[in-house]
C-alpha cells in the first residue's frame, strides 16, 4: 500500500470565528495530522487549504483538505480536489462531527446516508456517491432543548476541551490506520471494546 494516496477532508467552516466550534472538529483533526506529516496548509487552486505529506518515509501519501467554503457547500471543493489530484471517492476520507455519537467517541464507516449532516449531504451530491470512508467524531447531543444548529456552532465546553486533544489524536490515528492498513482493519482496531 506504499503507493496509496488518500484525500482526507476535514469538515468545518472557514475563519477564526468558527475555529473552536464543535462543527469544526474535522478541521482540528487535520491540524493534528499536518503536524504529524510535517506539512503546512496553503491556499490551493481548488477552493481549499491543502497540506500534503506521507505518514512515514515510503508510506501512504495524505492530501489534507480544508474546504474554503462553508459547511453546507463542502461538495464543490471536495469534488474539485478529487479531480485535481486524479482521485476517486474510493480514495476519500471525510472527517466530521457526529451528533449521534457521545462526545469522545469515534466510529469509522464507509457509505451510508448523511444523517442530517449538511456537509456530508453536499459531498454525496457533488461526488454522485455515498461510497467513501468517514471518520465520525462524536460531539454528543445538545443539552435540554438547545437547537442542534446552535449547539454545533458553539465552542467545546471547558470540560470537553480537557479531553479534546486525546480525541483529536485518536481520530488522527484512525486516519493513519485507514491509510496504512485499510478501513476494515482500522475499524477492528478502533471499534474494539476498551
Protein backbone atom coordinates (compact mmCIF):
# COMPACT_ATOMS: atom_id res chain seq x y z
CA UNK A 1 0.00 0.00 0.00
CA UNK A 2 3.06 2.28 -0.08
CA UNK A 3 1.86 3.98 -3.26
CA UNK A 4 -1.56 4.68 -1.79
CA UNK A 5 -2.78 8.29 -1.81
CA UNK A 6 -5.74 9.41 0.26
CA UNK A 7 -7.58 12.71 0.07
CA UNK A 8 -8.51 13.47 3.69
CA UNK A 9 -11.14 16.18 4.09
CA UNK A 10 -11.75 17.88 7.43
CA UNK A 11 -15.19 19.46 7.53
CA UNK A 12 -15.82 22.80 9.17
CA UNK A 13 -16.49 26.46 8.49
CA UNK A 14 -13.74 28.88 7.41
CA UNK A 15 -12.38 31.72 9.52
CA UNK A 16 -11.28 32.31 13.10
CA UNK A 17 -14.84 32.86 14.40
CA UNK A 18 -15.62 29.17 13.80
CA UNK A 19 -12.23 27.61 14.58
CA UNK A 20 -13.15 26.29 18.05
CA UNK A 21 -16.71 25.19 17.19
CA UNK A 22 -17.84 21.58 17.57
CA UNK A 23 -18.74 21.68 13.85
CA UNK A 24 -15.05 22.26 13.07
CA UNK A 25 -13.68 19.17 14.80
CA UNK A 26 -12.86 17.65 11.39
CA UNK A 27 -10.52 20.53 10.62
CA UNK A 28 -8.99 20.27 14.10
CA UNK A 29 -8.10 16.62 13.34
CA UNK A 30 -6.42 17.74 10.10
CA UNK A 31 -4.33 20.26 12.04
CA UNK A 32 -3.09 17.35 14.18
CA UNK A 33 -2.34 15.27 11.07
CA UNK A 34 -0.48 18.15 9.39
CA UNK A 35 1.91 18.35 12.36
CA UNK A 36 2.49 14.58 12.19
CA UNK A 37 3.34 14.59 8.49
CA UNK A 38 5.31 17.85 8.78
CA UNK A 39 3.09 19.69 6.29
CA UNK A 40 1.77 23.25 6.16
CA UNK A 41 -1.65 24.29 4.86
CA UNK A 42 -1.52 26.56 1.83
CA UNK A 43 -4.09 28.12 -0.47
CA UNK A 44 -4.77 25.82 -3.40
CA UNK A 45 -6.08 26.10 -6.96
CA UNK A 46 -9.20 24.36 -5.73
CA UNK A 47 -11.28 26.36 -3.22
CA UNK A 48 -9.47 24.87 -0.24
CA UNK A 49 -6.44 24.94 2.02
CA UNK A 50 -4.24 21.91 1.28
CA UNK A 51 -1.29 20.22 3.01
CA UNK A 52 0.50 17.14 1.66
CA UNK A 53 2.84 14.59 3.19
CA UNK A 54 3.48 10.93 3.95
CA UNK A 55 2.59 9.02 7.10
CA UNK A 56 6.16 7.63 7.11
CA UNK A 57 9.06 7.53 4.63
CA UNK A 58 7.76 5.50 1.69
CA UNK A 59 4.35 5.26 3.36
CA UNK A 60 0.94 6.32 2.06
CA UNK A 61 0.56 9.92 0.94
CA UNK A 62 -2.06 12.08 2.65
CA UNK A 63 -3.52 15.11 0.92
CA UNK A 64 -5.22 17.07 3.70
CA UNK A 65 -8.02 19.34 2.51
CA UNK A 66 -9.92 22.03 4.40
CA UNK A 67 -12.66 23.37 2.09
CA UNK A 68 -12.64 27.19 1.93
CA UNK A 69 -16.45 27.13 1.68
CA UNK A 70 -19.00 26.94 4.47
CA UNK A 71 -20.01 23.50 5.70
CA UNK A 72 -23.22 23.31 3.65
CA UNK A 73 -21.30 23.81 0.38
CA UNK A 74 -18.39 21.42 1.04
CA UNK A 75 -19.17 19.27 -2.00
CA UNK A 76 -17.75 21.59 -4.67
CA UNK A 77 -14.29 21.92 -3.09
CA UNK A 78 -14.13 18.18 -2.35
CA UNK A 79 -15.13 17.22 -5.89
CA UNK A 80 -12.64 19.76 -7.32
CA UNK A 81 -9.80 18.40 -5.15
CA UNK A 82 -10.53 14.79 -6.18
CA UNK A 83 -10.50 15.86 -9.81
CA UNK A 84 -7.32 17.94 -9.43
CA UNK A 85 -5.39 15.01 -7.94
CA UNK A 86 -6.90 12.39 -10.27
CA UNK A 87 -8.51 10.54 -7.36
CA UNK A 88 -11.95 8.97 -6.92
CA UNK A 89 -14.36 8.79 -3.96
CA UNK A 90 -12.74 5.40 -3.17
CA UNK A 91 -9.64 7.45 -2.18
CA UNK A 92 -11.63 9.87 0.00
CA UNK A 93 -11.79 10.01 3.81
CA UNK A 94 -14.09 12.64 5.34
CA UNK A 95 -13.52 13.59 8.99
CA UNK A 96 -16.60 15.19 10.55
CA UNK A 97 -18.52 15.92 13.73
CA UNK A 98 -21.28 13.46 14.66
CA UNK A 99 -24.22 14.44 16.90
CA UNK A 100 -25.39 10.82 17.14
CA UNK A 101 -22.22 9.67 18.92
CA UNK A 102 -21.40 10.62 22.51
CA UNK A 103 -18.57 13.11 22.95
CA UNK A 104 -15.14 11.43 22.98
CA UNK A 105 -16.35 8.54 20.78
CA UNK A 106 -15.03 7.61 17.35
CA UNK A 107 -16.59 5.47 14.63
CA UNK A 108 -15.30 4.64 11.16
CA UNK A 109 -17.53 3.68 8.27
CA UNK A 110 -17.92 3.68 4.53
CA UNK A 111 -21.11 4.53 2.70
CA UNK A 112 -24.48 5.19 4.28
CA UNK A 113 -26.58 8.31 4.40
CA UNK A 114 -25.75 11.81 5.57
CA UNK A 115 -27.71 11.56 8.84
CA UNK A 116 -28.82 15.18 8.53
CA UNK A 117 -25.23 16.42 8.26
CA UNK A 118 -25.33 19.12 5.58
CA UNK A 119 -21.62 18.88 4.79
CA UNK A 120 -21.93 15.16 4.05
CA UNK A 121 -25.16 15.76 2.11
CA UNK A 122 -23.40 18.22 -0.19
CA UNK A 123 -20.36 15.95 -0.70
CA UNK A 124 -22.61 12.99 -1.60
CA UNK A 125 -24.48 15.21 -4.08
CA UNK A 126 -21.30 16.65 -5.66
CA UNK A 127 -19.49 13.30 -5.90
CA UNK A 128 -22.58 11.39 -7.05
CA UNK A 129 -21.96 8.65 -4.48
CA UNK A 130 -22.03 7.99 -0.75
CA UNK A 131 -19.31 5.34 -1.06
CA UNK A 132 -16.40 6.98 0.73
CA UNK A 133 -14.82 6.47 4.13
CA UNK A 134 -15.79 8.60 7.10
CA UNK A 135 -14.18 9.21 10.48
CA UNK A 136 -17.10 10.21 12.66
CA UNK A 137 -16.00 12.22 15.71
CA UNK A 138 -18.65 12.17 18.44
CA UNK A 139 -19.70 15.56 19.81
CA UNK A 140 -22.87 14.34 21.56
CA UNK A 141 -26.36 15.76 21.52
CA UNK A 142 -27.16 19.26 22.79
CA UNK A 143 -28.40 19.50 26.37
CA UNK A 144 -32.10 20.07 27.06
CA UNK A 145 -33.97 21.74 24.22
CA UNK A 146 -30.99 23.51 22.68
CA UNK A 147 -31.22 23.64 18.90
CA UNK A 148 -28.65 21.28 17.33
CA UNK A 149 -27.78 24.01 14.78
CA UNK A 150 -26.80 26.35 17.65
CA UNK A 151 -25.02 23.57 19.54
CA UNK A 152 -22.66 22.63 16.68
CA UNK A 153 -21.72 26.29 16.18
CA UNK A 154 -20.61 26.70 19.79
CA UNK A 155 -17.11 26.04 21.10
CA UNK A 156 -16.40 22.93 23.12
CA UNK A 157 -17.05 23.35 26.86
CA UNK A 158 -14.11 23.79 29.25
CA UNK A 159 -14.62 20.20 30.46
CA UNK A 160 -14.65 18.89 26.88
CA UNK A 161 -11.53 20.90 26.00
CA UNK A 162 -9.56 18.93 28.61
CA UNK A 163 -10.31 15.69 26.73
CA UNK A 164 -10.30 17.14 23.21
CA UNK A 165 -6.55 16.74 22.47
CA UNK A 166 -6.72 12.98 23.08
CA UNK A 167 -9.88 12.69 20.95
CA UNK A 168 -8.23 14.60 18.09
CA UNK A 169 -5.11 12.43 18.38
CA UNK A 170 -7.21 9.25 18.29
CA UNK A 171 -9.07 10.47 15.20
CA UNK A 172 -5.73 11.28 13.53
CA UNK A 173 -4.53 7.77 14.46
CA UNK A 174 -7.67 6.39 12.80
CA UNK A 175 -6.96 8.27 9.55
CA UNK A 176 -3.39 6.95 9.54
CA UNK A 177 -4.67 3.42 10.19
CA UNK A 178 -7.09 3.67 7.24
CA UNK A 179 -4.19 4.85 5.04
CA UNK A 180 -1.76 2.11 6.07
CA UNK A 181 -4.00 -0.88 6.88
CA UNK A 182 -7.34 -0.19 5.15
CA UNK A 183 -10.75 0.62 6.57
CA UNK A 184 -11.69 -2.84 7.84
CA UNK A 185 -8.51 -3.27 9.89
CA UNK A 186 -8.87 0.28 11.22
CA UNK A 187 -12.48 -0.41 12.24
CA UNK A 188 -11.43 -3.56 14.10
CA UNK A 189 -8.79 -1.58 15.97
CA UNK A 190 -10.84 1.50 16.86
CA UNK A 191 -14.21 -0.17 17.48
CA UNK A 192 -12.84 -2.82 19.81
CA UNK A 193 -14.13 -2.54 23.39
CA UNK A 194 -11.64 -0.83 25.67
